[in-house]
Amino acid sequence: MTVVTTTAPEGTVLVLGGRSEIGLELATRLASGRTVVLAARRSTDLTEQVAAVVAAGATTVATVEFDADDLGSHGAVLESVVAEHGPLSTVVLAFGILGDQARAEKDAAHTAAILHTDFVAQAAVLTRVATLLRAQGTGRIVVFSSVAGVRVRKANYVYGSAKAGLDGFATGLSDALRGSGVSLLLVRPGFVIGSMTKGMSPAPFSSTPGQVADAVDSALAADKSSVWIPGILAPIYFAIRFVPQWLWRKAPR
């Protein structure tokens, strides 16, 4: 674990997926006067990310090795962060993969890899994080779902089904956390223009990582339990639920 410190830390923000564009943008918005821990694979290669969070006003920025797909390591990672930086105030789950839909339709191993990272690993670490924060009696969790999981389309049904599972898991967990002092913010962005979608034509109502982070920051400040980004997608997807399946299967993406 590497650490860059300026003055005494105040609060701890943990970003699981510290190399994520959205995760980093959100970290910079939560950084002022706080301790921020960026957890990712190849954690010694996060120089630019650390510099960005330091520039945003974090008092302490640390990195820790984290492999989301290694479920057995999650507990030790969380324990090490708490042992070194104290109680967690906000935990952001920012890891995930888009995968290759065409490949997944023929390659069962690739299908399993997408589902493992985007649902199984998320659910596993969420369970550990929720247990830890319940014991503290306080804390916030940020989970990134997607409109792709609200109604799954044939064009990306593997990724979409993983997000559908995560959305359901996070919704249930949010309800289960009521009264515990711990809250969960479920984020449902539309198409996000970034490295994950590089080479793809932006869909209508697209957002940038910065716009997503701004909306999440505002939702946290307002103590919301869910947020659609952009907000217009909420009524659109409410209506989409009633589109007949024969017509929905013709949706291009």
Protein backbone atom coordinates (compact mmCIF):
# COMPACT_ATOMS: atom_id res chain seq x y z
CA MET A 1 0.00 0.00 0.00
CA THR A 2 1.38 3.41 -0.98
CA VAL A 3 0.35 6.60 0.78
CA VAL A 4 0.60 10.31 -0.01
CA THR A 5 -0.26 12.51 2.99
CA THR A 6 -0.58 16.27 3.42
CA THR A 7 -2.31 16.93 6.75
CA ALA A 8 -4.30 14.86 9.23
CA PRO A 9 -7.00 12.80 7.47
CA GLU A 10 -10.69 13.34 8.16
CA GLY A 11 -13.02 10.56 7.07
CA THR A 12 -12.35 7.65 4.74
CA VAL A 13 -13.67 7.13 1.23
CA LEU A 14 -12.92 3.75 -0.36
CA VAL A 15 -13.21 3.35 -4.13
CA LEU A 16 -13.23 -0.29 -5.21
CA GLY A 17 -12.12 0.09 -8.80
CA GLY A 18 -9.78 3.04 -8.37
CA ARG A 19 -8.83 3.06 -12.03
CA SER A 20 -12.44 3.56 -13.16
CA GLU A 21 -13.13 6.90 -14.84
CA ILE A 22 -16.41 7.36 -13.01
CA GLY A 23 -14.93 6.15 -9.73
CA LEU A 24 -12.05 8.60 -10.01
CA GLU A 25 -14.33 11.50 -10.94
CA LEU A 26 -16.50 10.75 -7.91
CA ALA A 27 -13.44 10.42 -5.68
CA THR A 28 -12.33 13.93 -6.64
CA ARG A 29 -15.75 15.29 -5.67
CA LEU A 30 -15.70 13.55 -2.29
CA ALA A 31 -12.03 14.22 -1.60
CA SER A 32 -11.89 17.60 0.13
CA GLY A 33 -10.61 17.19 3.67
CA ARG A 34 -10.97 13.40 3.50
CA THR A 35 -8.89 10.26 3.36
CA VAL A 36 -9.39 8.50 0.01
CA VAL A 37 -8.28 4.93 -0.70
CA LEU A 38 -8.14 3.77 -4.32
CA ALA A 39 -8.34 -0.02 -4.60
CA ALA A 40 -7.44 -1.67 -7.90
CA ARG A 41 -5.28 -4.24 -9.59
CA ARG A 42 -1.74 -3.03 -10.29
CA SER A 43 -2.22 -0.56 -7.46
CA THR A 44 1.36 0.69 -7.73
CA ASP A 45 0.47 2.08 -11.17
CA LEU A 46 -2.09 4.67 -10.05
CA THR A 47 0.17 7.73 -10.04
CA GLU A 48 -2.12 9.88 -12.17
CA GLN A 49 -5.21 8.89 -10.21
CA VAL A 50 -3.53 9.65 -6.88
CA ALA A 51 -2.37 13.04 -8.18
CA ALA A 52 -5.91 13.92 -9.29
CA VAL A 53 -7.38 13.12 -5.88
CA VAL A 54 -4.60 15.00 -4.06
CA ALA A 55 -5.26 18.01 -6.31
CA ALA A 56 -8.96 17.78 -5.38
CA GLY A 57 -8.10 18.42 -1.73
CA ALA A 58 -7.80 14.99 -0.13
CA THR A 59 -5.72 15.02 3.03
CA THR A 60 -4.53 11.46 2.53
CA VAL A 61 -4.59 9.34 -0.63
CA ALA A 62 -3.69 5.66 -0.44
CA THR A 63 -3.70 2.78 -2.89
CA VAL A 64 -4.32 -0.87 -2.12
CA GLU A 65 -4.23 -3.98 -4.26
CA PHE A 66 -7.72 -5.25 -5.10
CA ASP A 67 -8.80 -7.95 -7.53
CA ALA A 68 -12.60 -7.96 -7.62
CA ASP A 69 -12.70 -11.42 -9.18
CA ASP A 70 -10.73 -12.91 -6.26
CA LEU A 71 -13.68 -13.24 -3.89
CA GLY A 72 -11.57 -14.73 -1.12
CA SER A 73 -9.42 -11.62 -0.89
CA HIS A 74 -12.23 -9.10 -0.33
CA GLY A 75 -12.35 -9.44 3.43
CA ALA A 76 -8.61 -8.96 3.88
CA VAL A 77 -8.63 -5.86 1.67
CA LEU A 78 -11.42 -4.24 3.67
CA GLU A 79 -9.80 -5.16 6.97
CA SER A 80 -6.46 -3.69 5.88
CA VAL A 81 -8.05 -0.40 4.85
CA VAL A 82 -9.92 -0.06 8.14
CA ALA A 83 -6.84 -1.05 10.16
CA GLU A 84 -4.71 1.61 8.47
CA HIS A 85 -7.24 4.40 7.88
CA GLY A 86 -10.02 3.93 10.40
CA PRO A 87 -13.78 3.57 9.86
CA LEU A 88 -15.17 3.84 6.35
CA SER A 89 -17.59 6.65 5.62
CA THR A 90 -18.30 5.99 1.92
CA VAL A 91 -17.61 2.87 -0.14
CA VAL A 92 -17.94 3.17 -3.92
CA LEU A 93 -18.18 0.06 -6.11
CA ALA A 94 -16.76 1.30 -9.41
CA PHE A 95 -15.35 -1.86 -10.98
CA GLY A 96 -16.92 -3.77 -13.86
CA ILE A 97 -16.48 -4.91 -17.45
CA LEU A 98 -18.62 -4.50 -20.56
CA GLY A 99 -17.38 -7.67 -22.23
CA ASP A 100 -17.93 -8.69 -25.84
CA GLN A 101 -21.53 -9.70 -26.49
CA ALA A 102 -20.79 -11.42 -29.81
CA ARG A 103 -18.05 -13.50 -28.20
CA ALA A 104 -20.17 -14.26 -25.14
CA GLU A 105 -22.93 -15.72 -27.32
CA LYS A 106 -20.52 -18.47 -28.38
CA ASP A 107 -18.01 -18.59 -25.52
CA ALA A 108 -19.52 -19.81 -22.25
CA ALA A 109 -16.35 -18.95 -20.34
CA HIS A 110 -16.57 -15.32 -21.45
CA THR A 111 -20.23 -15.20 -20.47
CA ALA A 112 -19.31 -16.52 -17.04
CA ALA A 113 -16.48 -13.98 -16.71
CA ILE A 114 -18.84 -11.05 -17.39
CA LEU A 115 -21.43 -12.35 -14.94
CA HIS A 116 -18.76 -13.05 -12.34
CA THR A 117 -17.27 -9.55 -12.40
CA ASP A 118 -20.47 -7.58 -12.90
CA PHE A 119 -22.73 -9.51 -10.55
CA VAL A 120 -21.15 -12.25 -8.44
CA ALA A 121 -18.11 -10.21 -7.36
CA GLN A 122 -20.27 -7.14 -6.73
CA ALA A 123 -22.75 -9.07 -4.60
CA ALA A 124 -19.95 -10.73 -2.65
CA VAL A 125 -18.11 -7.52 -1.80
CA LEU A 126 -21.40 -5.72 -1.09
CA THR A 127 -22.21 -8.36 1.51
CA ARG A 128 -18.86 -7.81 3.21
CA VAL A 129 -19.10 -4.03 3.01
CA ALA A 130 -22.64 -4.00 4.40
CA THR A 131 -21.61 -6.25 7.29
CA LEU A 132 -18.67 -3.99 8.09
CA LEU A 133 -20.69 -0.78 7.95
CA ARG A 134 -23.53 -2.27 10.00
CA ALA A 135 -20.98 -3.03 12.71
CA GLN A 136 -19.84 0.61 12.56
CA GLY A 137 -23.44 1.78 12.69
CA THR A 138 -22.84 4.30 9.93
CA GLY A 139 -21.64 4.63 6.34
CA ARG A 140 -22.75 5.02 2.74
CA ILE A 141 -22.48 2.62 -0.20
CA VAL A 142 -22.60 3.64 -3.86
CA VAL A 143 -23.52 0.93 -6.38
CA PHE A 144 -23.49 1.43 -10.16
CA SER A 145 -26.27 -0.40 -11.93
CA SER A 146 -27.31 0.59 -15.48
CA VAL A 147 -30.40 1.19 -17.54
CA ALA A 148 -29.18 -1.89 -19.45
CA GLY A 149 -30.42 -3.94 -16.51
CA VAL A 150 -33.84 -2.32 -16.23
CA ARG A 151 -35.06 -4.13 -19.33
CA VAL A 152 -32.50 -6.37 -20.98
CA ARG A 153 -32.05 -6.12 -24.75
CA LYS A 154 -30.78 -8.77 -27.13
CA ALA A 155 -27.89 -6.52 -28.23
CA ASN A 156 -26.17 -6.77 -24.81
CA TYR A 157 -28.16 -9.35 -22.86
CA VAL A 158 -25.13 -10.80 -21.05
CA TYR A 159 -23.99 -7.48 -19.58
CA GLY A 160 -27.60 -6.40 -19.14
CA SER A 161 -28.54 -9.52 -17.21
CA ALA A 162 -25.59 -9.04 -14.87
CA LYS A 163 -26.74 -5.47 -14.21
CA ALA A 164 -30.32 -6.67 -13.73
CA GLY A 165 -29.12 -9.06 -11.06
CA LEU A 166 -27.02 -6.37 -9.40
CA ASP A 167 -29.91 -3.90 -9.50
CA GLY A 168 -32.18 -6.37 -7.75
CA PHE A 169 -29.55 -7.33 -5.18
CA ALA A 170 -28.74 -3.70 -4.38
CA THR A 171 -32.41 -2.76 -4.12
CA GLY A 172 -33.04 -5.54 -1.63
CA LEU A 173 -29.89 -4.71 0.32
CA SER A 174 -30.91 -1.05 0.47
CA ASP A 175 -34.21 -2.04 2.06
CA ALA A 176 -32.46 -4.42 4.46
CA LEU A 177 -30.13 -1.61 5.62
CA ARG A 178 -33.00 0.66 6.68
CA GLY A 179 -32.63 1.63 10.32
CA SER A 180 -29.04 0.40 10.56
CA GLY A 181 -27.40 3.80 10.10
CA VAL A 182 -26.06 2.63 6.73
CA SER A 183 -27.46 3.85 3.42
CA LEU A 184 -27.10 2.64 -0.16
CA LEU A 185 -27.31 4.78 -3.28
CA LEU A 186 -28.21 2.84 -6.43
CA VAL A 187 -27.05 4.62 -9.60
CA ARG A 188 -28.68 3.89 -12.95
CA PRO A 189 -26.79 5.72 -15.70
CA GLY A 190 -27.53 5.46 -19.39
CA PHE A 191 -24.78 5.24 -21.99
CA VAL A 192 -21.56 6.71 -20.57
CA ILE A 193 -19.00 8.06 -23.02
CA GLY A 194 -15.64 6.78 -21.80
CA SER A 195 -12.93 4.16 -22.16
CA MET A 196 -15.36 1.27 -21.61
CA THR A 197 -17.50 2.38 -24.57
CA LYS A 198 -14.67 3.62 -26.79
CA GLY A 199 -15.46 3.03 -30.46
CA MET A 200 -19.20 2.78 -29.86
CA SER A 201 -21.64 5.41 -31.13
CA PRO A 202 -23.19 7.26 -28.16
CA ALA A 203 -26.80 6.41 -27.46
CA PRO A 204 -29.45 9.10 -26.87
CA PHE A 205 -29.19 10.86 -23.49
CA SER A 206 -25.54 9.89 -23.06
CA SER A 207 -23.43 11.23 -20.20
CA THR A 208 -19.75 11.70 -19.46
CA PRO A 209 -18.02 10.28 -16.37
CA GLY A 210 -17.91 13.81 -14.95
CA GLN A 211 -21.64 14.29 -15.40
CA VAL A 212 -22.32 10.96 -13.72
CA ALA A 213 -20.07 11.90 -10.79
CA ASP A 214 -21.80 15.26 -10.41
CA ALA A 215 -25.21 13.59 -10.27
CA VAL A 216 -24.02 10.99 -7.76
CA ASP A 217 -22.43 13.66 -5.58
CA SER A 218 -25.71 15.62 -5.56
CA ALA A 219 -27.72 12.46 -4.80
CA LEU A 220 -25.46 11.64 -1.86
CA ALA A 221 -25.84 15.17 -0.52
CA ALA A 222 -29.62 14.82 -0.80
CA ASP A 223 -29.54 11.40 0.90
CA LYS A 224 -31.31 9.72 -2.02
CA SER A 225 -31.59 5.95 -2.37
CA SER A 226 -31.46 5.94 -6.18
CA VAL A 227 -30.61 8.23 -9.07
CA TRP A 228 -31.08 7.97 -12.84
CA ILE A 229 -28.53 9.73 -15.03
CA PRO A 230 -29.74 11.76 -16.79
CA GLY A 231 -33.01 12.09 -14.91
CA ILE A 232 -35.12 11.94 -18.07
CA LEU A 233 -34.34 8.22 -18.28
CA ALA A 234 -36.56 7.45 -15.27
CA PRO A 235 -39.88 8.21 -17.01
CA ILE A 236 -38.59 6.80 -20.30
CA TYR A 237 -37.75 3.45 -18.75
CA PHE A 238 -41.00 3.42 -16.80
CA ALA A 239 -42.76 3.56 -20.15
CA ILE A 240 -40.37 1.03 -21.71
CA ARG A 241 -41.57 -1.60 -19.23
CA PHE A 242 -44.88 -1.64 -21.13
CA VAL A 243 -43.41 -2.06 -24.61
CA PRO A 244 -44.47 -5.51 -25.93
CA GLN A 245 -41.68 -8.04 -26.24
CA TRP A 246 -42.14 -8.52 -29.99
CA LEU A 247 -41.41 -4.83 -30.46
CA TRP A 248 -38.67 -4.62 -27.81
CA ARG A 249 -36.63 -7.38 -29.43
CA LYS A 250 -36.25 -5.11 -32.46
CA ALA A 251 -34.45 -2.47 -30.40
CA PRO A 252 -30.96 -2.01 -31.89
CA ARG A 253 -29.27 -1.49 -28.51
